[in-house]
Protein backbone atom coordinates (compact mmCIF):
# COMPACT_ATOMS: atom_id res chain seq x y z
CA MET A 1 -13.11 -27.42 -15.64
CA VAL A 2 -9.82 -28.19 -13.91
CA ARG A 3 -6.92 -28.21 -16.38
CA GLU A 4 -3.21 -27.68 -16.65
CA SER A 5 -1.98 -24.26 -17.72
CA LEU A 6 1.10 -22.69 -19.29
CA GLN A 7 3.24 -19.86 -18.02
CA LEU A 8 6.49 -18.31 -19.27
CA VAL A 9 9.18 -17.78 -16.65
CA LEU A 10 12.29 -15.64 -17.11
CA ALA A 11 15.17 -18.13 -17.22
CA GLU A 12 18.03 -15.74 -18.09
CA ARG A 13 18.58 -12.08 -18.85
CA PRO A 14 18.93 -11.48 -22.61
CA THR A 15 21.65 -9.23 -23.98
CA THR A 16 20.41 -8.97 -27.58
CA ASN A 17 17.29 -10.01 -29.52
CA ILE A 18 14.57 -12.20 -28.04
CA VAL A 19 14.48 -15.52 -29.89
CA PRO A 20 12.21 -18.56 -29.31
CA GLY A 21 13.71 -20.72 -26.61
CA LYS A 22 15.46 -17.79 -24.94
CA PRO A 23 15.21 -16.19 -22.43
CA PHE A 24 11.94 -17.75 -21.26
CA GLN A 25 11.24 -21.21 -19.93
CA HIS A 26 7.84 -22.69 -20.76
CA VAL A 27 6.40 -24.16 -17.56
CA LYS A 28 3.32 -26.37 -17.64
CA VAL A 29 1.48 -26.06 -14.36
CA PRO A 30 -0.43 -29.26 -13.58
CA ALA A 31 -4.12 -29.38 -12.78
CA ALA A 32 -5.06 -29.80 -9.14
CA SER A 33 -6.11 -33.30 -8.20
CA ALA A 34 -6.85 -35.39 -5.16
CA THR A 35 -3.15 -36.16 -4.86
CA MET A 36 -1.71 -32.76 -5.92
CA GLN A 37 -2.96 -29.41 -4.70
CA GLY A 38 -1.62 -26.02 -3.61
CA PRO A 39 0.50 -23.22 -5.12
CA TYR A 40 2.23 -25.49 -7.65
CA CYS A 41 -1.05 -26.35 -9.39
CA THR A 42 -3.28 -24.36 -11.74
CA PRO A 43 -5.50 -22.27 -9.44
CA THR A 44 -9.21 -22.97 -9.11
CA GLU A 45 -12.19 -21.24 -7.52
CA ALA A 46 -11.47 -23.14 -4.30
CA ASP A 47 -8.19 -21.23 -3.95
CA LEU A 48 -9.85 -17.80 -3.86
CA LYS A 49 -9.77 -15.62 -0.76
CA ASP A 50 -12.12 -12.70 -0.10
CA GLY A 51 -11.56 -9.90 -2.61
CA GLU A 52 -9.77 -12.12 -5.14
CA LEU A 53 -10.51 -13.11 -8.74
CA LEU A 54 -9.71 -16.19 -10.79
CA LEU A 55 -8.71 -15.01 -14.27
CA GLU A 56 -7.97 -16.62 -17.62
CA SER A 57 -6.00 -14.75 -20.27
CA LEU A 58 -7.65 -14.01 -23.63
CA TYR A 59 -5.18 -11.52 -25.14
CA LEU A 60 -1.65 -10.55 -24.16
CA SER A 61 -0.04 -7.26 -25.14
CA ILE A 62 3.64 -7.31 -26.17
CA ASP A 63 5.02 -3.80 -25.65
CA ALA A 64 8.51 -2.50 -26.38
CA THR A 65 8.93 -1.33 -22.79
CA MET A 66 8.84 -4.98 -21.66
CA ARG A 67 12.36 -5.37 -23.02
CA ASN A 68 13.57 -2.99 -20.29
CA TRP A 69 11.95 -5.13 -17.61
CA LEU A 70 14.25 -8.00 -18.61
CA GLN A 71 17.37 -5.97 -17.77
CA TYR A 72 18.64 -5.44 -14.26
CA LYS A 73 18.43 -1.68 -14.66
CA ARG A 74 16.47 1.17 -13.17
CA SER A 75 13.14 1.77 -14.92
CA PHE A 76 9.65 2.95 -14.02
CA LEU A 77 8.95 -0.59 -12.80
CA PRO A 78 11.41 -2.96 -11.12
CA PRO A 79 12.99 -5.61 -13.35
CA VAL A 80 11.42 -9.03 -13.63
CA GLN A 81 13.50 -11.39 -11.53
CA VAL A 82 14.98 -14.59 -12.94
CA GLY A 83 12.57 -17.37 -11.97
CA GLU A 84 9.50 -15.09 -12.03
CA VAL A 85 6.61 -15.22 -14.46
CA MET A 86 7.16 -12.55 -17.13
CA ARG A 87 5.17 -9.37 -16.50
CA GLY A 88 2.53 -8.35 -19.07
CA ILE A 89 -0.90 -6.78 -19.52
CA THR A 90 -3.78 -9.02 -20.53
CA VAL A 91 -7.43 -8.88 -21.38
CA SER A 92 -8.78 -11.55 -19.08
CA ARG A 93 -12.11 -13.18 -18.35
CA VAL A 94 -13.18 -13.55 -14.72
CA LEU A 95 -13.83 -17.27 -14.18
CA ALA A 96 -14.75 -16.90 -10.52
CA SER A 97 -15.02 -14.00 -8.10
CA LYS A 98 -15.01 -13.40 -4.38
CA SER A 99 -15.28 -9.66 -4.98
CA SER A 100 -18.15 -7.24 -4.57
CA LYS A 101 -16.67 -5.06 -7.35
CA VAL A 102 -16.09 -7.58 -10.13
CA LYS A 103 -18.40 -10.42 -11.14
CA THR A 104 -17.88 -13.74 -12.83
CA GLY A 105 -17.88 -13.36 -16.62
CA ASP A 106 -16.55 -9.78 -16.65
CA LEU A 107 -13.76 -8.83 -19.03
CA VAL A 108 -10.95 -6.96 -17.28
CA THR A 109 -7.49 -5.65 -18.04
CA ALA A 110 -4.86 -6.83 -15.61
CA MET A 111 -1.13 -7.27 -15.15
CA LEU A 112 -1.66 -11.03 -15.11
CA GLY A 113 1.61 -11.71 -16.90
CA PHE A 114 2.65 -14.45 -19.30
CA ARG A 115 0.34 -17.10 -17.91
CA GLU A 116 -2.91 -18.64 -19.00
CA MET A 117 -4.57 -18.54 -15.58
CA GLY A 118 -3.98 -16.81 -12.28
CA ILE A 119 -5.43 -15.16 -9.19
CA LEU A 120 -5.27 -11.42 -8.53
CA PRO A 121 -6.78 -9.08 -5.92
CA GLU A 122 -9.76 -7.04 -7.11
CA ASP A 123 -7.79 -3.78 -6.85
CA TRP A 124 -5.22 -5.06 -9.34
CA VAL A 125 -7.62 -5.22 -12.27
CA GLN A 126 -9.47 -2.59 -14.25
CA VAL A 127 -13.07 -3.16 -15.23
CA PRO A 128 -13.66 -1.14 -18.39
CA ALA A 129 -16.73 0.91 -19.12
CA PRO A 130 -19.02 -0.60 -21.79
CA LEU A 131 -17.15 -0.73 -25.08
CA PRO A 132 -18.27 1.55 -27.93
CA ALA A 133 -20.35 -0.19 -30.57
CA ASN A 134 -17.46 -0.38 -33.05
CA ALA A 135 -14.82 -1.53 -30.53
CA THR A 136 -13.57 -5.04 -29.79
CA SER A 137 -12.22 -6.66 -26.66
CA ARG A 138 -8.73 -6.39 -28.21
CA ASP A 139 -9.00 -2.59 -28.01
CA LEU A 140 -8.79 -2.93 -24.23
CA ILE A 141 -5.03 -3.52 -24.52
CA GLY A 142 -4.54 -1.59 -27.76
CA LEU A 143 -6.36 1.63 -28.43
CA PHE A 144 -7.64 1.97 -24.85
CA CYS A 145 -4.48 0.82 -23.04
CA TRP A 146 -0.87 1.97 -22.75
CA SER A 147 -0.11 1.96 -26.48
CA GLY A 148 -3.07 4.04 -27.60
CA LEU A 149 -3.10 6.25 -24.54
CA SER A 150 0.61 7.02 -24.90
CA GLY A 151 -0.03 8.50 -28.33
CA TYR A 152 -3.07 10.39 -27.07
CA PHE A 153 -1.45 12.00 -24.02
CA GLY A 154 1.94 12.51 -25.65
CA MET A 155 0.39 14.60 -28.39
CA THR A 156 -2.38 16.36 -26.47
CA LYS A 157 -0.34 17.18 -23.34
CA ILE A 158 3.23 17.69 -24.58
CA GLY A 159 3.50 17.92 -28.37
CA VAL A 160 0.32 19.98 -28.80
CA PRO A 161 0.57 20.31 -32.60
CA LYS A 162 -1.11 23.31 -34.19
CA PRO A 163 -2.45 23.80 -37.73
CA GLY A 164 0.49 24.31 -40.08
CA ASP A 165 3.04 22.54 -37.86
CA THR A 166 5.41 19.97 -39.32
CA VAL A 167 5.02 16.86 -37.16
CA VAL A 168 7.33 13.83 -37.28
CA VAL A 169 6.26 10.51 -35.76
CA SER A 170 8.79 7.68 -35.61
CA ALA A 171 7.57 4.08 -36.05
CA ALA A 172 4.20 5.45 -37.14
CA ALA A 173 3.24 2.16 -38.76
CA GLY A 174 3.88 -0.24 -35.94
CA ALA A 175 0.54 -2.00 -36.23
CA THR A 176 0.80 -3.78 -39.58
CA GLY A 177 2.64 -6.73 -41.05
CA ASN A 178 5.49 -5.40 -43.20
CA VAL A 179 7.12 -2.12 -44.14
CA ALA A 180 5.66 -1.85 -47.65
CA ALA A 181 2.12 -2.46 -46.44
CA GLN A 182 2.64 -0.06 -43.56
CA CYS A 183 3.68 2.74 -45.87
CA ARG A 184 0.75 2.14 -48.17
CA TRP A 185 -1.67 2.12 -45.22
CA LEU A 186 -0.24 5.30 -43.72
CA LYS A 187 -0.32 7.10 -47.04
CA GLU A 188 -3.69 5.96 -48.38
CA ASP A 189 -5.77 5.36 -45.25
CA LEU A 190 -4.32 7.78 -42.71
CA ARG A 191 -3.61 10.43 -45.38
CA LEU A 192 -0.21 11.40 -44.01
CA ASP A 193 1.67 13.87 -46.19
CA VAL A 194 4.96 11.95 -46.32
CA VAL A 195 5.80 8.37 -45.35
CA LEU A 196 9.45 7.25 -45.19
CA ASN A 197 11.04 3.84 -44.78
CA TYR A 198 14.01 4.10 -42.44
CA LYS A 199 15.59 1.06 -44.13
CA ASP A 200 15.99 2.88 -47.45
CA ALA A 201 19.62 3.60 -48.38
CA ASP A 202 18.80 7.26 -49.04
CA PHE A 203 16.59 7.69 -45.96
CA ASP A 204 18.64 10.63 -44.61
CA GLN A 205 18.26 12.61 -47.83
CA LYS A 206 14.55 11.83 -48.08
CA PHE A 207 14.07 12.94 -44.47
CA ILE A 208 15.75 16.29 -45.22
CA GLU A 209 13.63 16.77 -48.33
CA ALA A 210 10.46 15.94 -46.39
CA THR A 211 11.14 18.67 -43.79
CA PRO A 212 11.94 21.78 -45.86
CA ASP A 213 10.31 24.02 -43.27
CA TRP A 214 12.01 22.24 -40.37
CA ILE A 215 10.21 20.35 -37.56
CA ASP A 216 7.81 21.76 -34.97
CA VAL A 217 6.84 18.55 -33.15
CA CYS A 218 8.48 15.14 -32.98
CA PHE A 219 6.88 12.14 -31.26
CA ASP A 220 9.65 9.59 -30.82
CA GLY A 221 9.76 6.13 -29.32
CA VAL A 222 12.64 4.83 -31.42
CA GLY A 223 15.75 6.91 -30.74
CA GLY A 224 18.90 6.31 -32.74
CA GLN A 225 19.17 7.55 -36.33
CA VAL A 226 15.67 8.99 -36.60
CA LEU A 227 15.95 11.01 -33.39
CA ASP A 228 19.35 12.37 -34.45
CA LEU A 229 17.97 13.53 -37.79
CA ALA A 230 14.90 15.06 -36.20
CA LEU A 231 16.99 17.02 -33.68
CA ILE A 232 19.18 18.37 -36.47
CA ARG A 233 16.09 19.39 -38.47
CA ALA A 234 14.26 20.98 -35.52
CA LYS A 235 12.92 24.53 -35.53
CA PRO A 236 13.71 26.88 -32.68
CA HIS A 237 11.58 25.94 -29.66
CA ALA A 238 10.46 22.63 -31.24
CA ARG A 239 8.69 20.19 -28.92
CA PHE A 240 10.04 16.63 -28.71
CA VAL A 241 7.86 14.01 -27.04
CA LEU A 242 9.92 11.00 -25.93
CA CYS A 243 8.23 7.76 -24.92
CA GLY A 244 11.03 5.22 -25.47
CA GLN A 245 14.03 4.08 -27.51
CA VAL A 246 13.01 0.83 -29.13
CA SER A 247 16.02 0.90 -31.48
CA GLN A 248 18.30 0.58 -28.44
CA TYR A 249 16.50 -1.98 -26.28
CA ASN A 250 18.27 -5.00 -27.79
CA SER A 251 21.70 -3.34 -27.85
CA GLU A 252 24.35 -4.41 -25.38
CA LYS A 253 25.61 -0.81 -25.27
CA ARG A 254 22.86 1.75 -25.67
CA GLN A 255 23.62 5.07 -27.34
CA GLY A 256 22.06 8.50 -27.11
CA PRO A 257 22.01 11.40 -29.61
CA ASP A 258 25.27 12.11 -31.42
CA GLY A 259 27.25 15.26 -30.72
CA GLN A 260 25.79 17.52 -33.43
CA ALA A 261 22.23 16.44 -32.69
CA PHE A 262 22.69 16.96 -28.97
CA LEU A 263 24.23 20.38 -29.43
CA ASN A 264 21.27 21.43 -31.56
CA ILE A 265 19.09 21.06 -28.46
CA VAL A 266 20.94 24.10 -27.12
CA TYR A 267 21.17 26.06 -30.36
CA GLN A 268 17.46 25.68 -31.20
CA ARG A 269 16.25 25.78 -27.57
CA ILE A 270 14.43 22.50 -28.13
CA LYS A 271 12.07 21.22 -25.47
CA LEU A 272 12.55 17.48 -24.89
CA GLN A 273 10.14 15.84 -22.47
CA GLY A 274 10.02 12.19 -21.60
CA PHE A 275 6.81 10.81 -20.17
CA LEU A 276 5.05 7.70 -18.90
CA VAL A 277 1.45 7.16 -19.82
CA THR A 278 0.70 6.46 -16.15
CA ASP A 279 1.41 10.14 -15.44
CA TRP A 280 -2.20 10.77 -16.47
CA THR A 281 -3.92 7.76 -14.88
CA PRO A 282 -6.74 9.89 -13.38
CA GLU A 283 -7.58 11.09 -16.91
CA PHE A 284 -7.76 7.60 -18.46
CA PRO A 285 -11.59 7.36 -18.41
CA LYS A 286 -11.99 10.69 -20.23
CA ALA A 287 -9.31 9.78 -22.78
CA ILE A 288 -10.82 6.34 -23.41
CA ALA A 289 -14.23 7.91 -23.97
CA GLN A 290 -12.70 10.29 -26.53
CA LEU A 291 -10.72 7.56 -28.27
CA GLY A 292 -13.86 5.46 -28.38
CA ARG A 293 -15.71 8.16 -30.32
CA TRP A 294 -13.01 9.00 -32.83
CA PRO A 295 -13.10 5.77 -34.91
CA ALA A 296 -16.84 6.17 -35.50
CA GLU A 297 -16.28 9.80 -36.48
CA GLY A 298 -13.53 8.84 -38.93
CA LYS A 299 -10.93 10.80 -36.96
CA ILE A 300 -8.74 7.84 -36.10
CA LYS A 301 -8.02 4.42 -37.59
CA ARG A 302 -6.28 1.46 -36.07
CA LYS A 303 -4.85 -1.68 -37.55
CA GLU A 304 -3.46 -4.69 -35.78
CA THR A 305 -1.65 -7.92 -36.43
CA LEU A 306 -2.87 -10.74 -34.24
CA VAL A 307 -0.39 -13.48 -33.32
CA THR A 308 -2.17 -16.77 -32.72
CA GLY A 309 -0.81 -19.89 -31.10
CA GLY A 310 -1.63 -19.20 -27.49
CA MET A 311 0.70 -18.16 -24.69
CA ALA A 312 3.52 -20.16 -26.25
CA ALA A 313 3.58 -17.64 -29.15
CA ALA A 314 4.56 -14.72 -26.89
CA GLU A 315 8.23 -15.04 -27.84
CA GLU A 316 7.30 -14.95 -31.54
CA ALA A 317 5.38 -11.71 -30.92
CA PHE A 318 8.49 -10.20 -29.28
CA GLY A 319 10.43 -10.95 -32.45
CA ILE A 320 7.78 -9.37 -34.68
CA LEU A 321 7.75 -6.22 -32.56
CA PHE A 322 11.51 -5.68 -32.72
CA ASP A 323 11.69 -6.52 -36.43
CA SER A 324 9.48 -3.41 -36.89
CA LYS A 325 6.80 -5.53 -38.46
CA SER A 326 3.94 -5.15 -36.04
CA PHE A 327 2.57 -4.25 -32.66
CA GLY A 328 2.57 -7.53 -30.73
CA LEU A 329 -0.84 -8.83 -29.71
CA VAL A 330 -1.14 -12.49 -28.77
CA GLN A 331 -4.44 -14.34 -28.75
CA VAL A 332 -4.08 -16.64 -25.77
CA LYS A 333 -7.61 -18.01 -26.08
CA ASP A 334 -10.53 -17.33 -28.40
CA PRO A 335 -12.88 -15.13 -26.34
CA GLU A 336 -15.86 -16.90 -27.92
CA ALA A 337 -14.65 -20.32 -26.77
């Protein structure tokens, strides 16, 4: 069925928080018709070239690293240009295919961006192996995509915690709706020893009390206050796994560790290693297979907050992510529809 579609285009570079109406422009792309065709219309099967796929978005992942793509700064990917469709990973359904590798009806993960429909070359999409019995299509951009795989590789390749180690994870509850519920879930379901709310007035003191034997491993994607405290509380030769600084992404002037925390890197001979999940791309299939088994074995649990409202709700999901309420996952279209 030929129809109009929606896409979100970067209209201006934000300097602080993402709010609805800024920095994206909502662009309705008209349906092709006898009087209007070509690149300014919603693509159809007739627009496909050999090796290309016509995709429709089902789910869109909102990841903290996207905030960096909105700045004109060096990152692991070039910044999104003003006037371009915002970059983003989707679970998409193949509506039509001129590929020998991917067939119509397949579910794929793709960097389709903030748009309801689009055309991509076959080599730009990933066709997942059959999902485990207890998995859902949403896991393709959650547990089995950059978010889940970052935790997996960061811990198994760099942090490498051993029995008896004290391990600190910042933003450990990023997949639920509010801080109180997060703490209850982490404590009761995940059986973590100590759960702290960084918004508490006495957070610093509680953090010190929770690490009487100092810290062996810290997995940090937040930076700021938590990273400073963790560095000060680190054991000699502690391992720090750094995957981002979400507390700084909306700041006009980003800050690193304070003087005492930074100096402790030297005093305690701390190993700090940043990483990108794509460093281990060849190992993705093996990691996904392992992650797929763990939920059934009771070794891992995941929880998500789904933002409904279609592609237009992507800005709302950005706000939820940076309010520390939830991992952003937008349902663009009901996969059963």
